[in-house]
């Protein structure tokens, strides 16, 4: 079940006795948690009726025992169980033989009428390696019917951009489409961070001022990645003067230079892949990387396309090698990170790069 389907179901039907929340996407999970809490318990009932448990601290058997317990002071109960992944057996033990799973299966057959029990598995993403781990979690909690399983995949870039626009409008933040895209890009399309950063921008700008790209660069962590891309572009054009000026900007703004170098490496590697795979436009680049499990929003795909066009394949390969050399230098005992980065910038197009 999707988060939207879950919220819609709550409006028209009584809650299920058991739920399993799967996935690391925190924003929609938080929305669903609030909606379910409001549906099950009134404000007055929450102090005595809402229980938080952690399977990293107690056993699944203890959770089921708690759900079986009747309370004189709470006619309705909502039991929220975090770290659901912690209950999984280690090694090759079969889930079906686990005492906790057997107790859970028995509880599903005869749940306590006044209790809603929610298991939250929010450690793993629903893509890449996390997807396989969540499949194990789902198998372990298989006694919970499908109608009680809610999945929380990450926002894709277009969904994140729409959410950012909605939150900005709701907060009364005046922000253009380009600046909004920069914000979404800077936080990696993470919905929870989008909500936090928009609230910070609202407090910073007040009601009258419009948000500029400079405001985002000042307030939003990772927004200086745009300066790093400008550095890539300057290197691609062979404009060493501008590249050194941008390097100076990063130093003055206190950028951690090994981190800046890691952004450069990602940019060059993705551009090399795009060139080797014959990807001809940003849409092809975005589709290719998303099929591979990497979230690439369209603006990022445009940047990769520009970088691939600015360098030959040989230059991109040589650049990756030089990045490794610079990274090694930055991690050694040295007098000045900036000197190493300047040497990297000046030597990038020498010898085929």
Foldseek 3Di string as FASTA:
>chain_A
DELVVLLVCLVPHPDDQEAEEAFQQPPSVVVSVVSNCVSQDPPVQCVPAEAEEECVVDALVVVLVVQPDDDPSHQAHEYEYEPLLSRDDPDPDDLVPDPSLVSLLVCLVPGDPRYRYYYYNNPAACFDPSVVSRVSSCVSNVSDDPVRYYYDHADALVRLLVLLVVLLVVLLAAEDSVLSSLLCVQVVSRNVLSNVQSVVNCVVQPNPDHDDLVNCVVRPHSSCLVLLLVLLLCLLQVNLVVNLVSLVVCVVVPHPVLVSLVSVLVLLVLLLVCVVVVPQALVSSQVVVVVVVDRDDSVNSRSSNSSNVSADNQLSVQLNVLSVVLSVVSPDDDDDNSVSVSCSSVCSPPPPD
